[in-house]
Amino acid sequence: MGLWAGQYNLEVRYLPSYSPELNAIEILWRKIKYEWLSISAYETYSKLKKEVETILDNYHSKYEITFS
């Protein structure tokens, strides 16, 4: 339960110091790292960078995260 901040109806919620499940970029990176990147992407930095860029460029067309 949060605290109410006077007349402004603001609710303060205390979150754990590390809560990646609440951070959208952490969810995206987990999908990229464990599902969409091939093992061969890690051979060189340039190859990794290129494959991550390809995934990000094709997000919503080829790659998508669904919360069902």
C-alpha atoms as a PDB file:
ATOM      1  CA  MET A   1       0.000   0.000   0.000  1.00  0.00           C
ATOM      2  CA  GLY A   2       1.361   3.423  -0.918  1.00  0.00           C
ATOM      3  CA  LEU A   3       1.201   6.740   0.889  1.00  0.00           C
ATOM      4  CA  TRP A   4      -1.088   9.526  -0.330  1.00  0.00           C
ATOM      5  CA  ALA A   5       0.498  12.946  -0.870  1.00  0.00           C
ATOM      6  CA  GLY A   6      -2.082  15.489   0.251  1.00  0.00           C
ATOM      7  CA  GLN A   7      -4.454  17.216  -2.134  1.00  0.00           C
ATOM      8  CA  TYR A   8      -2.602  16.123  -5.298  1.00  0.00           C
ATOM      9  CA  ASN A   9      -3.690  12.481  -5.075  1.00  0.00           C
ATOM     10  CA  LEU A  10      -0.151  11.240  -5.652  1.00  0.00           C
ATOM     11  CA  GLU A  11       0.614   7.737  -4.532  1.00  0.00           C
ATOM     12  CA  VAL A  12       4.147   6.887  -3.471  1.00  0.00           C
ATOM     13  CA  ARG A  13       5.111   3.261  -3.921  1.00  0.00           C
ATOM     14  CA  TYR A  14       8.344   1.823  -2.665  1.00  0.00           C
ATOM     15  CA  LEU A  15      10.013  -0.550  -5.119  1.00  0.00           C
ATOM     16  CA  PRO A  16      12.892  -2.912  -4.501  1.00  0.00           C
ATOM     17  CA  SER A  17      16.282  -1.452  -5.385  1.00  0.00           C
ATOM     18  CA  TYR A  18      16.620  -3.996  -8.198  1.00  0.00           C
ATOM     19  CA  SER A  19      13.406  -4.913  -9.989  1.00  0.00           C
ATOM     20  CA  PRO A  20      14.145  -5.730 -13.660  1.00  0.00           C
ATOM     21  CA  GLU A  21      10.660  -7.169 -14.191  1.00  0.00           C
ATOM     22  CA  LEU A  22       9.323  -3.606 -13.836  1.00  0.00           C
ATOM     23  CA  ASN A  23      11.753  -2.103 -16.356  1.00  0.00           C
ATOM     24  CA  ALA A  24      10.707  -2.420 -20.011  1.00  0.00           C
ATOM     25  CA  ILE A  25      14.260  -2.316 -21.385  1.00  0.00           C
ATOM     26  CA  GLU A  26      15.223  -5.270 -19.196  1.00  0.00           C
ATOM     27  CA  ILE A  27      12.355  -7.303 -20.636  1.00  0.00           C
ATOM     28  CA  LEU A  28      13.380  -6.388 -24.203  1.00  0.00           C
ATOM     29  CA  TRP A  29      17.058  -7.184 -23.577  1.00  0.00           C
ATOM     30  CA  ARG A  30      16.151 -10.585 -22.060  1.00  0.00           C
ATOM     31  CA  LYS A  31      14.229 -11.495 -25.229  1.00  0.00           C
ATOM     32  CA  ILE A  32      17.085 -10.322 -27.454  1.00  0.00           C
ATOM     33  CA  LYS A  33      19.757 -12.090 -25.438  1.00  0.00           C
ATOM     34  CA  TYR A  34      18.078 -15.444 -24.822  1.00  0.00           C
ATOM     35  CA  GLU A  35      15.696 -15.896 -27.757  1.00  0.00           C
ATOM     36  CA  TRP A  36      16.533 -13.768 -30.771  1.00  0.00           C
ATOM     37  CA  LEU A  37      20.331 -13.653 -30.901  1.00  0.00           C
ATOM     38  CA  SER A  38      22.177 -16.630 -32.290  1.00  0.00           C
ATOM     39  CA  ILE A  39      25.253 -17.992 -30.546  1.00  0.00           C
ATOM     40  CA  SER A  40      27.348 -16.911 -33.521  1.00  0.00           C
ATOM     41  CA  ALA A  41      26.445 -13.271 -32.847  1.00  0.00           C
ATOM     42  CA  TYR A  42      28.922 -13.282 -29.964  1.00  0.00           C
ATOM     43  CA  GLU A  43      31.959 -14.096 -32.154  1.00  0.00           C
ATOM     44  CA  THR A  44      32.992 -10.442 -32.510  1.00  0.00           C
ATOM     45  CA  TYR A  45      31.810  -7.110 -31.184  1.00  0.00           C
ATOM     46  CA  SER A  46      30.976  -5.856 -34.678  1.00  0.00           C
ATOM     47  CA  LYS A  47      28.874  -8.942 -35.411  1.00  0.00           C
ATOM     48  CA  LEU A  48      27.032  -8.593 -32.099  1.00  0.00           C
ATOM     49  CA  LYS A  49      26.385  -4.914 -32.746  1.00  0.00           C
ATOM     50  CA  LYS A  50      25.113  -5.620 -36.270  1.00  0.00           C
ATOM     51  CA  GLU A  51      22.741  -8.379 -35.142  1.00  0.00           C
ATOM     52  CA  VAL A  52      21.350  -6.313 -32.262  1.00  0.00           C
ATOM     53  CA  GLU A  53      20.781  -3.408 -34.677  1.00  0.00           C
ATOM     54  CA  THR A  54      19.010  -5.766 -37.086  1.00  0.00           C
ATOM     55  CA  ILE A  55      16.716  -6.984 -34.311  1.00  0.00           C
ATOM     56  CA  LEU A  56      15.920  -3.436 -33.193  1.00  0.00           C
ATOM     57  CA  ASP A  57      15.312  -2.312 -36.783  1.00  0.00           C
ATOM     58  CA  ASN A  58      12.871  -5.202 -37.287  1.00  0.00           C
ATOM     59  CA  TYR A  59      11.090  -4.898 -33.964  1.00  0.00           C
ATOM     60  CA  HIS A  60       7.297  -4.982 -34.487  1.00  0.00           C
ATOM     61  CA  SER A  61       7.647  -6.565 -37.919  1.00  0.00           C
ATOM     62  CA  LYS A  62       9.728  -9.692 -37.315  1.00  0.00           C
ATOM     63  CA  TYR A  63      10.338  -9.501 -33.553  1.00  0.00           C
ATOM     64  CA  GLU A  64       7.631  -8.768 -31.016  1.00  0.00           C
ATOM     65  CA  ILE A  65       6.958  -9.159 -27.334  1.00  0.00           C
ATOM     66  CA  THR A  66       3.457 -10.168 -26.284  1.00  0.00           C
ATOM     67  CA  PHE A  67       2.239 -10.098 -22.720  1.00  0.00           C
ATOM     68  CA  SER A  68      -0.507 -12.690 -22.767  1.00  0.00           C
END
